[in-house]
Amino acid sequence: MGVTSDFKAKVAIAALKGNQTANEIASEYKVHVTQVNTWKKQLITHAGELFGRGSDKQQAEQEQEASKLYEQISRLKVEVDWLKKKTGHLG
């Protein structure tokens, strides 16, 4: 079984807090001290990406919803035009 991303995050956060040395954290979590420092560095380097994902997801959802609404508007316009034609209101 491999190391989970949750475990890596937990170790990296512990290292980032600075309450313990990297050696103490490595001993507590039974990983090499180099690994603790690597995960800490990765957390710092990629933290901004974590916050950007939510907005990207929201934007994609909004675009999908807008697309559905535009499709619905188009269908309704076609129906209205058809009804106008059938009832003689289209001049």
PDB file of N, CA and C in Angstrom:
ATOM      1  N   MET A   1       0.839  -1.170   0.000  1.00  0.00           N
ATOM      2  CA  MET A   1       0.000   0.000   0.000  1.00  0.00           C
ATOM      3  C   MET A   1       0.891   1.243   0.000  1.00  0.00           C
ATOM      4  N   GLY A   2       0.577   2.207  -0.898  1.00  0.00           N
ATOM      5  CA  GLY A   2       1.363   3.432  -0.995  1.00  0.00           C
ATOM      6  C   GLY A   2       0.934   4.465   0.034  1.00  0.00           C
ATOM      7  N   VAL A   3       1.698   5.497   0.106  1.00  0.00           N
ATOM      8  CA  VAL A   3       1.410   6.593   1.022  1.00  0.00           C
ATOM      9  C   VAL A   3       0.306   7.445   0.411  1.00  0.00           C
ATOM     10  N   THR A   4      -0.716   7.750   1.193  1.00  0.00           N
ATOM     11  CA  THR A   4      -1.841   8.528   0.677  1.00  0.00           C
ATOM     12  C   THR A   4      -1.506  10.019   0.653  1.00  0.00           C
ATOM     13  N   SER A   5      -2.244  10.740  -0.160  1.00  0.00           N
ATOM     14  CA  SER A   5      -2.040  12.183  -0.233  1.00  0.00           C
ATOM     15  C   SER A   5      -2.440  12.844   1.088  1.00  0.00           C
ATOM     16  N   ASP A   6      -3.428  12.267   1.769  1.00  0.00           N
ATOM     17  CA  ASP A   6      -3.830  12.810   3.073  1.00  0.00           C
ATOM     18  C   ASP A   6      -2.685  12.687   4.089  1.00  0.00           C
ATOM     19  N   PHE A   7      -2.005  11.569   4.057  1.00  0.00           N
ATOM     20  CA  PHE A   7      -0.878  11.361   4.964  1.00  0.00           C
ATOM     21  C   PHE A   7       0.238  12.359   4.663  1.00  0.00           C
ATOM     22  N   LYS A   8       0.546  12.523   3.379  1.00  0.00           N
ATOM     23  CA  LYS A   8       1.589  13.474   2.977  1.00  0.00           C
ATOM     24  C   LYS A   8       1.230  14.884   3.443  1.00  0.00           C
ATOM     25  N   ALA A   9      -0.034  15.253   3.265  1.00  0.00           N
ATOM     26  CA  ALA A   9      -0.480  16.584   3.677  1.00  0.00           C
ATOM     27  C   ALA A   9      -0.349  16.757   5.185  1.00  0.00           C
ATOM     28  N   LYS A  10      -0.710  15.725   5.923  1.00  0.00           N
ATOM     29  CA  LYS A  10      -0.627  15.780   7.388  1.00  0.00           C
ATOM     30  C   LYS A  10       0.817  15.995   7.835  1.00  0.00           C
ATOM     31  N   VAL A  11       1.742  15.272   7.232  1.00  0.00           N
ATOM     32  CA  VAL A  11       3.164  15.405   7.572  1.00  0.00           C
ATOM     33  C   VAL A  11       3.663  16.792   7.165  1.00  0.00           C
ATOM     34  N   ALA A  12       3.299  17.230   5.970  1.00  0.00           N
ATOM     35  CA  ALA A  12       3.754  18.536   5.480  1.00  0.00           C
ATOM     36  C   ALA A  12       3.218  19.669   6.347  1.00  0.00           C
ATOM     37  N   ILE A  13       1.981  19.573   6.778  1.00  0.00           N
ATOM     38  CA  ILE A  13       1.397  20.601   7.641  1.00  0.00           C
ATOM     39  C   ILE A  13       2.094  20.623   8.994  1.00  0.00           C
ATOM     40  N   ALA A  14       2.383  19.445   9.513  1.00  0.00           N
ATOM     41  CA  ALA A  14       3.110  19.368  10.783  1.00  0.00           C
ATOM     42  C   ALA A  14       4.474  20.047  10.647  1.00  0.00           C
ATOM     43  N   ALA A  15       5.131  19.837   9.525  1.00  0.00           N
ATOM     44  CA  ALA A  15       6.437  20.458   9.297  1.00  0.00           C
ATOM     45  C   ALA A  15       6.296  21.972   9.124  1.00  0.00           C
ATOM     46  N   LEU A  16       5.242  22.380   8.477  1.00  0.00           N
ATOM     47  CA  LEU A  16       5.011  23.799   8.230  1.00  0.00           C
ATOM     48  C   LEU A  16       4.701  24.564   9.519  1.00  0.00           C
ATOM     49  N   LYS A  17       4.031  23.904  10.440  1.00  0.00           N
ATOM     50  CA  LYS A  17       3.692  24.552  11.717  1.00  0.00           C
ATOM     51  C   LYS A  17       4.939  24.964  12.482  1.00  0.00           C
ATOM     52  N   GLY A  18       5.967  24.166  12.412  1.00  0.00           N
ATOM     53  CA  GLY A  18       7.219  24.501  13.073  1.00  0.00           C
ATOM     54  C   GLY A  18       7.251  24.199  14.559  1.00  0.00           C
ATOM     55  N   ASN A  19       6.280  23.439  15.045  1.00  0.00           N
ATOM     56  CA  ASN A  19       6.268  23.077  16.467  1.00  0.00           C
ATOM     57  C   ASN A  19       7.264  21.981  16.793  1.00  0.00           C
ATOM     58  N   GLN A  20       7.662  21.223  15.762  1.00  0.00           N
ATOM     59  CA  GLN A  20       8.618  20.134  15.916  1.00  0.00           C
ATOM     60  C   GLN A  20       9.678  20.271  14.838  1.00  0.00           C
ATOM     61  N   THR A  21      10.821  19.668  15.071  1.00  0.00           N
ATOM     62  CA  THR A  21      11.856  19.656  14.042  1.00  0.00           C
ATOM     63  C   THR A  21      11.476  18.617  12.987  1.00  0.00           C
ATOM     64  N   ALA A  22      12.101  18.726  11.844  1.00  0.00           N
ATOM     65  CA  ALA A  22      11.860  17.755  10.778  1.00  0.00           C
ATOM     66  C   ALA A  22      12.219  16.348  11.245  1.00  0.00           C
ATOM     67  N   ASN A  23      13.279  16.239  12.044  1.00  0.00           N
ATOM     68  CA  ASN A  23      13.685  14.936  12.575  1.00  0.00           C
ATOM     69  C   ASN A  23      12.613  14.350  13.499  1.00  0.00           C
ATOM     70  N   GLU A  24      12.024  15.189  14.339  1.00  0.00           N
ATOM     71  CA  GLU A  24      10.976  14.724  15.250  1.00  0.00           C
ATOM     72  C   GLU A  24       9.742  14.255  14.464  1.00  0.00           C
ATOM     73  N   ILE A  25       9.396  15.015  13.449  1.00  0.00           N
ATOM     74  CA  ILE A  25       8.239  14.650  12.619  1.00  0.00           C
ATOM     75  C   ILE A  25       8.512  13.342  11.878  1.00  0.00           C
ATOM     76  N   ALA A  26       9.716  13.219  11.338  1.00  0.00           N
ATOM     77  CA  ALA A  26      10.093  11.999  10.618  1.00  0.00           C
ATOM     78  C   ALA A  26      10.005  10.789  11.531  1.00  0.00           C
ATOM     79  N   SER A  27      10.456  10.951  12.752  1.00  0.00           N
ATOM     80  CA  SER A  27      10.405   9.855  13.718  1.00  0.00           C
ATOM     81  C   SER A  27       8.956   9.520  14.085  1.00  0.00           C
ATOM     82  N   GLU A  28       8.149  10.557  14.305  1.00  0.00           N
ATOM     83  CA  GLU A  28       6.744  10.351  14.693  1.00  0.00           C
ATOM     84  C   GLU A  28       5.945   9.641  13.600  1.00  0.00           C
ATOM     85  N   TYR A  29       6.160  10.056  12.352  1.00  0.00           N
ATOM     86  CA  TYR A  29       5.382   9.492  11.237  1.00  0.00           C
ATOM     87  C   TYR A  29       6.098   8.348  10.520  1.00  0.00           C
ATOM     88  N   LYS A  30       7.282   8.011  11.011  1.00  0.00           N
ATOM     89  CA  LYS A  30       8.061   6.894  10.460  1.00  0.00           C
ATOM     90  C   LYS A  30       8.350   7.049   8.966  1.00  0.00           C
ATOM     91  N   VAL A  31       8.851   8.243   8.625  1.00  0.00           N
ATOM     92  CA  VAL A  31       9.317   8.528   7.267  1.00  0.00           C
ATOM     93  C   VAL A  31      10.697   9.165   7.376  1.00  0.00           C
ATOM     94  N   HIS A  32      11.404   9.218   6.270  1.00  0.00           N
ATOM     95  CA  HIS A  32      12.743   9.804   6.266  1.00  0.00           C
ATOM     96  C   HIS A  32      12.623  11.319   6.365  1.00  0.00           C
ATOM     97  N   VAL A  33      13.555  11.948   7.026  1.00  0.00           N
ATOM     98  CA  VAL A  33      13.545  13.398   7.215  1.00  0.00           C
ATOM     99  C   VAL A  33      13.554  14.141   5.874  1.00  0.00           C
ATOM    100  N   THR A  34      14.245  13.595   4.896  1.00  0.00           N
ATOM    101  CA  THR A  34      14.267  14.201   3.561  1.00  0.00           C
ATOM    102  C   THR A  34      12.861  14.244   2.975  1.00  0.00           C
ATOM    103  N   GLN A  35      12.097  13.197   3.222  1.00  0.00           N
ATOM    104  CA  GLN A  35      10.731  13.130   2.721  1.00  0.00           C
ATOM    105  C   GLN A  35       9.861  14.200   3.382  1.00  0.00           C
ATOM    106  N   VAL A  36      10.054  14.406   4.667  1.00  0.00           N
ATOM    107  CA  VAL A  36       9.315  15.456   5.385  1.00  0.00           C
ATOM    108  C   VAL A  36       9.588  16.807   4.736  1.00  0.00           C
ATOM    109  N   ASN A  37      10.850  17.099   4.487  1.00  0.00           N
ATOM    110  CA  ASN A  37      11.222  18.377   3.881  1.00  0.00           C
ATOM    111  C   ASN A  37      10.707  18.504   2.449  1.00  0.00           C
ATOM    112  N   THR A  38      10.711  17.411   1.713  1.00  0.00           N
ATOM    113  CA  THR A  38      10.208  17.420   0.335  1.00  0.00           C
ATOM    114  C   THR A  38       8.710  17.716   0.318  1.00  0.00           C
ATOM    115  N   TRP A  39       7.953  17.044   1.171  1.00  0.00           N
ATOM    116  CA  TRP A  39       6.502  17.259   1.212  1.00  0.00           C
ATOM    117  C   TRP A  39       6.165  18.659   1.692  1.00  0.00           C
ATOM    118  N   LYS A  40       6.946  19.181   2.623  1.00  0.00           N
ATOM    119  CA  LYS A  40       6.735  20.552   3.105  1.00  0.00           C
ATOM    120  C   LYS A  40       6.955  21.532   1.950  1.00  0.00           C
ATOM    121  N   LYS A  41       8.027  21.325   1.207  1.00  0.00           N
ATOM    122  CA  LYS A  41       8.338  22.192   0.075  1.00  0.00           C
ATOM    123  C   LYS A  41       7.241  22.105  -0.988  1.00  0.00           C
ATOM    124  N   GLN A  42       6.738  20.898  -1.252  1.00  0.00           N
ATOM    125  CA  GLN A  42       5.663  20.724  -2.231  1.00  0.00           C
ATOM    126  C   GLN A  42       4.395  21.446  -1.785  1.00  0.00           C
ATOM    127  N   LEU A  43       4.088  21.366  -0.500  1.00  0.00           N
ATOM    128  CA  LEU A  43       2.911  22.047   0.035  1.00  0.00           C
ATOM    129  C   LEU A  43       3.026  23.547  -0.173  1.00  0.00           C
ATOM    130  N   ILE A  44       4.173  24.095   0.152  1.00  0.00           N
ATOM    131  CA  ILE A  44       4.388  25.535  -0.004  1.00  0.00           C
ATOM    132  C   ILE A  44       4.315  25.934  -1.475  1.00  0.00           C
ATOM    133  N   THR A  45       4.963  25.164  -2.327  1.00  0.00           N
ATOM    134  CA  THR A  45       5.018  25.479  -3.754  1.00  0.00           C
ATOM    135  C   THR A  45       3.652  25.399  -4.433  1.00  0.00           C
ATOM    136  N   HIS A  46       2.832  24.422  -4.042  1.00  0.00           N
ATOM    137  CA  HIS A  46       1.575  24.172  -4.751  1.00  0.00           C
ATOM    138  C   HIS A  46       0.323  24.606  -3.992  1.00  0.00           C
ATOM    139  N   ALA A  47       0.482  25.301  -2.903  1.00  0.00           N
ATOM    140  CA  ALA A  47      -0.675  25.709  -2.094  1.00  0.00           C
ATOM    141  C   ALA A  47      -1.640  26.577  -2.902  1.00  0.00           C
ATOM    142  N   GLY A  48      -1.122  27.470  -3.721  1.00  0.00           N
ATOM    143  CA  GLY A  48      -1.971  28.344  -4.522  1.00  0.00           C
ATOM    144  C   GLY A  48      -2.872  27.576  -5.477  1.00  0.00           C
ATOM    145  N   GLU A  49      -2.381  26.478  -6.005  1.00  0.00           N
ATOM    146  CA  GLU A  49      -3.171  25.659  -6.919  1.00  0.00           C
ATOM    147  C   GLU A  49      -4.397  25.078  -6.229  1.00  0.00           C
ATOM    148  N   LEU A  50      -4.266  24.756  -4.957  1.00  0.00           N
ATOM    149  CA  LEU A  50      -5.384  24.184  -4.213  1.00  0.00           C
ATOM    150  C   LEU A  50      -6.557  25.153  -4.151  1.00  0.00           C
ATOM    151  N   PHE A  51      -6.261  26.432  -3.974  1.00  0.00           N
ATOM    152  CA  PHE A  51      -7.320  27.426  -3.876  1.00  0.00           C
ATOM    153  C   PHE A  51      -7.871  27.785  -5.248  1.00  0.00           C
ATOM    154  N   GLY A  52      -7.084  27.620  -6.281  1.00  0.00           N
ATOM    155  CA  GLY A  52      -7.534  27.924  -7.630  1.00  0.00           C
ATOM    156  C   GLY A  52      -8.479  26.883  -8.184  1.00  0.00           C
ATOM    157  N   ARG A  53      -8.370  25.665  -7.731  1.00  0.00           N
ATOM    158  CA  ARG A  53      -9.207  24.578  -8.259  1.00  0.00           C
ATOM    159  C   ARG A  53     -10.691  24.815  -8.027  1.00  0.00           C
ATOM    160  N   GLY A  54     -11.026  25.316  -6.862  1.00  0.00           N
ATOM    161  CA  GLY A  54     -12.434  25.547  -6.547  1.00  0.00           C
ATOM    162  C   GLY A  54     -13.062  26.547  -7.494  1.00  0.00           C
ATOM    163  N   SER A  55     -12.346  27.628  -7.779  1.00  0.00           N
ATOM    164  CA  SER A  55     -12.907  28.634  -8.663  1.00  0.00           C
ATOM    165  C   SER A  55     -12.994  28.116 -10.091  1.00  0.00           C
ATOM    166  N   ASP A  56     -12.029  27.309 -10.514  1.00  0.00           N
ATOM    167  CA  ASP A  56     -12.092  26.706 -11.849  1.00  0.00           C
ATOM    168  C   ASP A  56     -13.297  25.785 -11.951  1.00  0.00           C
ATOM    169  N   LYS A  57     -13.531  25.034 -10.900  1.00  0.00           N
ATOM    170  CA  LYS A  57     -14.669  24.112 -10.890  1.00  0.00           C
ATOM    171  C   LYS A  57     -15.972  24.900 -10.923  1.00  0.00           C
ATOM    172  N   GLN A  58     -16.049  25.966 -10.136  1.00  0.00           N
ATOM    173  CA  GLN A  58     -17.255  26.790 -10.121  1.00  0.00           C
ATOM    174  C   GLN A  58     -17.504  27.414 -11.480  1.00  0.00           C
ATOM    175  N   GLN A  59     -16.449  27.886 -12.112  1.00  0.00           N
ATOM    176  CA  GLN A  59     -16.589  28.506 -13.424  1.00  0.00           C
ATOM    177  C   GLN A  59     -17.077  27.480 -14.446  1.00  0.00           C
ATOM    178  N   ALA A  60     -16.545  26.285 -14.407  1.00  0.00           N
ATOM    179  CA  ALA A  60     -16.975  25.238 -15.328  1.00  0.00           C
ATOM    180  C   ALA A  60     -18.440  24.892 -15.101  1.00  0.00           C
ATOM    181  N   GLU A  61     -18.854  24.826 -13.839  1.00  0.00           N
ATOM    182  CA  GLU A  61     -20.255  24.536 -13.536  1.00  0.00           C
ATOM    183  C   GLU A  61     -21.169  25.655 -14.030  1.00  0.00           C
ATOM    184  N   GLN A  62     -20.733  26.904 -13.863  1.00  0.00           N
ATOM    185  CA  GLN A  62     -21.523  28.036 -14.329  1.00  0.00           C
ATOM    186  C   GLN A  62     -21.639  28.041 -15.842  1.00  0.00           C
ATOM    187  N   GLU A  63     -20.549  27.728 -16.528  1.00  0.00           N
ATOM    188  CA  GLU A  63     -20.581  27.659 -17.986  1.00  0.00           C
ATOM    189  C   GLU A  63     -21.504  26.550 -18.468  1.00  0.00           C
ATOM    190  N   GLN A  64     -21.484  25.424 -17.776  1.00  0.00           N
ATOM    191  CA  GLN A  64     -22.363  24.310 -18.135  1.00  0.00           C
ATOM    192  C   GLN A  64     -23.820  24.698 -17.922  1.00  0.00           C
ATOM    193  N   GLU A  65     -24.112  25.366 -16.813  1.00  0.00           N
ATOM    194  CA  GLU A  65     -25.476  25.809 -16.532  1.00  0.00           C
ATOM    195  C   GLU A  65     -25.930  26.835 -17.569  1.00  0.00           C
ATOM    196  N   ALA A  66     -25.048  27.764 -17.924  1.00  0.00           N
ATOM    197  CA  ALA A  66     -25.385  28.765 -18.941  1.00  0.00           C
ATOM    198  C   ALA A  66     -25.673  28.095 -20.277  1.00  0.00           C
ATOM    199  N   SER A  67     -24.882  27.107 -20.623  1.00  0.00           N
ATOM    200  CA  SER A  67     -25.093  26.378 -21.873  1.00  0.00           C
ATOM    201  C   SER A  67     -26.461  25.707 -21.893  1.00  0.00           C
ATOM    202  N   LYS A  68     -26.829  25.088 -20.776  1.00  0.00           N
ATOM    203  CA  LYS A  68     -28.150  24.452 -20.680  1.00  0.00           C
ATOM    204  C   LYS A  68     -29.260  25.482 -20.835  1.00  0.00           C
ATOM    205  N   LEU A  69     -29.087  26.631 -20.203  1.00  0.00           N
ATOM    206  CA  LEU A  69     -30.113  27.673 -20.286  1.00  0.00           C
ATOM    207  C   LEU A  69     -30.243  28.225 -21.707  1.00  0.00           C
ATOM    208  N   TYR A  70     -29.120  28.421 -22.392  1.00  0.00           N
ATOM    209  CA  TYR A  70     -29.171  28.892 -23.774  1.00  0.00           C
ATOM    210  C   TYR A  70     -29.874  27.878 -24.672  1.00  0.00           C
ATOM    211  N   GLU A  71     -29.613  26.595 -24.445  1.00  0.00           N
ATOM    212  CA  GLU A  71     -30.298  25.556 -25.214  1.00  0.00           C
ATOM    213  C   GLU A  71     -31.803  25.607 -24.970  1.00  0.00           C
ATOM    214  N   GLN A  72     -32.182  25.792 -23.718  1.00  0.00           N
ATOM    215  CA  GLN A  72     -33.595  25.860 -23.369  1.00  0.00           C
ATOM    216  C   GLN A  72     -34.249  27.086 -24.011  1.00  0.00           C
ATOM    217  N   ILE A  73     -33.554  28.213 -23.987  1.00  0.00           N
ATOM    218  CA  ILE A  73     -34.080  29.428 -24.619  1.00  0.00           C
ATOM    219  C   ILE A  73     -34.299  29.198 -26.107  1.00  0.00           C
ATOM    220  N   SER A  74     -33.329  28.569 -26.748  1.00  0.00           N
ATOM    221  CA  SER A  74     -33.452  28.289 -28.183  1.00  0.00           C
ATOM    222  C   SER A  74     -34.663  27.414 -28.473  1.00  0.00           C
ATOM    223  N   ARG A  75     -34.850  26.366 -27.672  1.00  0.00           N
ATOM    224  CA  ARG A  75     -36.008  25.483 -27.876  1.00  0.00           C
ATOM    225  C   ARG A  75     -37.317  26.242 -27.685  1.00  0.00           C
ATOM    226  N   LEU A  76     -37.371  27.079 -26.663  1.00  0.00           N
ATOM    227  CA  LEU A  76     -38.583  27.837 -26.396  1.00  0.00           C
ATOM    228  C   LEU A  76     -38.878  28.841 -27.498  1.00  0.00           C
ATOM    229  N   LYS A  77     -37.849  29.461 -28.050  1.00  0.00           N
ATOM    230  CA  LYS A  77     -38.044  30.397 -29.161  1.00  0.00           C
ATOM    231  C   LYS A  77     -38.620  29.677 -30.377  1.00  0.00           C
ATOM    232  N   VAL A  78     -38.099  28.485 -30.637  1.00  0.00           N
ATOM    233  CA  VAL A  78     -38.616  27.700 -31.767  1.00  0.00           C
ATOM    234  C   VAL A  78     -40.083  27.354 -31.526  1.00  0.00           C
ATOM    235  N   GLU A  79     -40.413  26.968 -30.300  1.00  0.00           N
ATOM    236  CA  GLU A  79     -41.804  26.637 -29.977  1.00  0.00           C
ATOM    237  C   GLU A  79     -42.715  27.853 -30.110  1.00  0.00           C
ATOM    238  N   VAL A  80     -42.250  29.004 -29.645  1.00  0.00           N
ATOM    239  CA  VAL A  80     -43.058  30.222 -29.752  1.00  0.00           C
ATOM    240  C   VAL A  80     -43.277  30.580 -31.214  1.00  0.00           C
ATOM    241  N   ASP A  81     -42.219  30.527 -32.002  1.00  0.00           N
ATOM    242  CA  ASP A  81     -42.356  30.828 -33.432  1.00  0.00           C
ATOM    243  C   ASP A  81     -43.334  29.870 -34.100  1.00  0.00           C
ATOM    244  N   TRP A  82     -43.263  28.596 -33.752  1.00  0.00           N
ATOM    245  CA  TRP A  82     -44.162  27.595 -34.330  1.00  0.00           C
ATOM    246  C   TRP A  82     -45.615  27.892 -33.934  1.00  0.00           C
ATOM    247  N   LEU A  83     -45.803  28.219 -32.649  1.00  0.00           N
ATOM    248  CA  LEU A  83     -47.159  28.545 -32.178  1.00  0.00           C
ATOM    249  C   LEU A  83     -47.694  29.801 -32.850  1.00  0.00           C
ATOM    250  N   LYS A  84     -46.853  30.799 -33.023  1.00  0.00           N
ATOM    251  CA  LYS A  84     -47.282  32.029 -33.707  1.00  0.00           C
ATOM    252  C   LYS A  84     -47.697  31.720 -35.141  1.00  0.00           C
ATOM    253  N   LYS A  85     -46.916  30.888 -35.792  1.00  0.00           N
ATOM    254  CA  LYS A  85     -47.208  30.529 -37.181  1.00  0.00           C
ATOM    255  C   LYS A  85     -48.541  29.774 -37.265  1.00  0.00           C
ATOM    256  N   LYS A  86     -48.750  28.819 -36.345  1.00  0.00           N
ATOM    257  CA  LYS A  86     -49.971  28.014 -36.352  1.00  0.00           C
ATOM    258  C   LYS A  86     -51.192  28.871 -36.041  1.00  0.00           C
ATOM    259  N   THR A  87     -51.055  29.888 -35.207  1.00  0.00           N
ATOM    260  CA  THR A  87     -52.190  30.707 -34.830  1.00  0.00           C
ATOM    261  C   THR A  87     -52.349  31.942 -35.696  1.00  0.00           C
ATOM    262  N   GLY A  88     -51.425  32.122 -36.644  1.00  0.00           N
ATOM    263  CA  GLY A  88     -51.515  33.246 -37.574  1.00  0.00           C
ATOM    264  C   GLY A  88     -50.955  34.550 -37.050  1.00  0.00           C
ATOM    265  N   HIS A  89     -50.206  34.526 -35.990  1.00  0.00           N
ATOM    266  CA  HIS A  89     -49.646  35.743 -35.434  1.00  0.00           C
ATOM    267  C   HIS A  89     -48.275  36.101 -36.011  1.00  0.00           C
ATOM    268  N   LEU A  90     -47.779  35.303 -36.902  1.00  0.00           N
ATOM    269  CA  LEU A  90     -46.469  35.579 -37.504  1.00  0.00           C
ATOM    270  C   LEU A  90     -46.726  36.303 -38.809  1.00  0.00           C
ATOM    271  N   GLY A  91     -46.314  37.513 -38.923  1.00  0.00           N
ATOM    272  CA  GLY A  91     -46.677  38.294 -40.093  1.00  0.00           C
ATOM    273  C   GLY A  91     -45.617  38.339 -41.097  1.00  0.00           C
TER     274      GLY A  91
END
